[in-house]
């Protein structure tokens, strides 16, 4: 029974990882790791600030369809 539970947990973890990748959740985690690796003294944006800037960049890019309507 334990191997089956282990495989189920592993499948759940992979599904969770994929879901986070598809909806962009990992973008903030990667940003924080990158920012802290270059200079730990630099203020890291909050998630809200990061997401606002990300949306603004996406909306400003005509390739992303931000200029619609």
C-alpha atoms as a PDB file:
ATOM      1  CA  UNK A   1       0.000   0.000   0.000  1.00  0.00           C
ATOM      2  CA  UNK A   2       2.868   2.400   0.773  1.00  0.00           C
ATOM      3  CA  UNK A   3       4.321   2.349  -2.788  1.00  0.00           C
ATOM      4  CA  UNK A   4       0.900   3.211  -4.215  1.00  0.00           C
ATOM      5  CA  UNK A   5       0.540   6.125  -1.811  1.00  0.00           C
ATOM      6  CA  UNK A   6       4.024   7.302  -2.704  1.00  0.00           C
ATOM      7  CA  UNK A   7       3.211   7.227  -6.423  1.00  0.00           C
ATOM      8  CA  UNK A   8      -0.041   9.088  -5.785  1.00  0.00           C
ATOM      9  CA  UNK A   9       1.783  11.811  -3.846  1.00  0.00           C
ATOM     10  CA  UNK A  10       4.395  12.111  -6.578  1.00  0.00           C
ATOM     11  CA  UNK A  11       1.702  12.426  -9.245  1.00  0.00           C
ATOM     12  CA  UNK A  12      -0.055  15.083  -7.167  1.00  0.00           C
ATOM     13  CA  UNK A  13       3.176  17.033  -6.740  1.00  0.00           C
ATOM     14  CA  UNK A  14       3.849  16.916 -10.479  1.00  0.00           C
ATOM     15  CA  UNK A  15       0.294  18.037 -11.256  1.00  0.00           C
ATOM     16  CA  UNK A  16       0.629  20.916  -8.770  1.00  0.00           C
ATOM     17  CA  UNK A  17       3.951  21.950 -10.341  1.00  0.00           C
ATOM     18  CA  UNK A  18       2.419  21.883 -13.833  1.00  0.00           C
ATOM     19  CA  UNK A  19      -0.576  23.922 -12.731  1.00  0.00           C
ATOM     20  CA  UNK A  20       1.707  26.556 -11.173  1.00  0.00           C
ATOM     21  CA  UNK A  21       3.816  26.694 -14.336  1.00  0.00           C
ATOM     22  CA  UNK A  22       0.795  27.101 -16.592  1.00  0.00           C
ATOM     23  CA  UNK A  23      -0.775  29.936 -14.614  1.00  0.00           C
ATOM     24  CA  UNK A  24       2.501  31.806 -13.978  1.00  0.00           C
ATOM     25  CA  UNK A  25       2.776  31.244 -10.225  1.00  0.00           C
ATOM     26  CA  UNK A  26       6.427  30.214 -10.517  1.00  0.00           C
ATOM     27  CA  UNK A  27       7.323  33.538 -12.138  1.00  0.00           C
ATOM     28  CA  UNK A  28       7.341  35.310  -8.771  1.00  0.00           C
ATOM     29  CA  UNK A  29       9.357  32.542  -7.112  1.00  0.00           C
ATOM     30  CA  UNK A  30      11.953  32.740  -9.900  1.00  0.00           C
ATOM     31  CA  UNK A  31      12.042  36.550  -9.643  1.00  0.00           C
ATOM     32  CA  UNK A  32      12.688  36.435  -5.870  1.00  0.00           C
ATOM     33  CA  UNK A  33      15.436  33.819  -6.213  1.00  0.00           C
ATOM     34  CA  UNK A  34      17.075  35.795  -9.027  1.00  0.00           C
ATOM     35  CA  UNK A  35      16.856  39.144  -7.211  1.00  0.00           C
ATOM     36  CA  UNK A  36      18.305  37.748  -3.991  1.00  0.00           C
ATOM     37  CA  UNK A  37      21.116  35.911  -5.766  1.00  0.00           C
ATOM     38  CA  UNK A  38      22.426  39.125  -7.337  1.00  0.00           C
ATOM     39  CA  UNK A  39      22.262  41.422  -4.318  1.00  0.00           C
ATOM     40  CA  UNK A  40      20.642  40.378  -1.030  1.00  0.00           C
ATOM     41  CA  UNK A  41      20.355  44.037   0.024  1.00  0.00           C
ATOM     42  CA  UNK A  42      18.012  44.945  -2.836  1.00  0.00           C
ATOM     43  CA  UNK A  43      14.366  45.286  -1.865  1.00  0.00           C
ATOM     44  CA  UNK A  44      12.329  42.517  -3.450  1.00  0.00           C
ATOM     45  CA  UNK A  45       8.934  43.526  -4.817  1.00  0.00           C
ATOM     46  CA  UNK A  46       5.888  42.193  -3.034  1.00  0.00           C
ATOM     47  CA  UNK A  47       3.840  39.681  -4.964  1.00  0.00           C
ATOM     48  CA  UNK A  48       1.211  42.355  -5.645  1.00  0.00           C
ATOM     49  CA  UNK A  49       3.802  44.809  -6.987  1.00  0.00           C
ATOM     50  CA  UNK A  50       5.358  42.085  -9.109  1.00  0.00           C
ATOM     51  CA  UNK A  51       2.016  40.997 -10.560  1.00  0.00           C
ATOM     52  CA  UNK A  52       0.969  44.604 -11.281  1.00  0.00           C
ATOM     53  CA  UNK A  53       4.205  45.240 -13.184  1.00  0.00           C
ATOM     54  CA  UNK A  54       3.867  41.934 -14.996  1.00  0.00           C
ATOM     55  CA  UNK A  55       0.330  42.760 -16.129  1.00  0.00           C
ATOM     56  CA  UNK A  56       1.369  46.272 -17.162  1.00  0.00           C
ATOM     57  CA  UNK A  57       4.226  44.873 -19.267  1.00  0.00           C
ATOM     58  CA  UNK A  58       1.915  42.321 -20.864  1.00  0.00           C
ATOM     59  CA  UNK A  59      -0.709  44.955 -21.633  1.00  0.00           C
ATOM     60  CA  UNK A  60       1.881  47.263 -23.190  1.00  0.00           C
ATOM     61  CA  UNK A  61       3.166  44.539 -25.529  1.00  0.00           C
ATOM     62  CA  UNK A  62       1.154  44.445 -28.774  1.00  0.00           C
ATOM     63  CA  UNK A  63       2.211  40.818 -29.349  1.00  0.00           C
ATOM     64  CA  UNK A  64       0.282  39.844 -26.215  1.00  0.00           C
ATOM     65  CA  UNK A  65      -2.955  41.369 -27.467  1.00  0.00           C
ATOM     66  CA  UNK A  66      -3.036  44.059 -24.771  1.00  0.00           C
ATOM     67  CA  UNK A  67      -4.194  46.778 -27.161  1.00  0.00           C
ATOM     68  CA  UNK A  68      -7.480  45.079 -27.924  1.00  0.00           C
ATOM     69  CA  UNK A  69     -10.761  46.975 -28.106  1.00  0.00           C
END
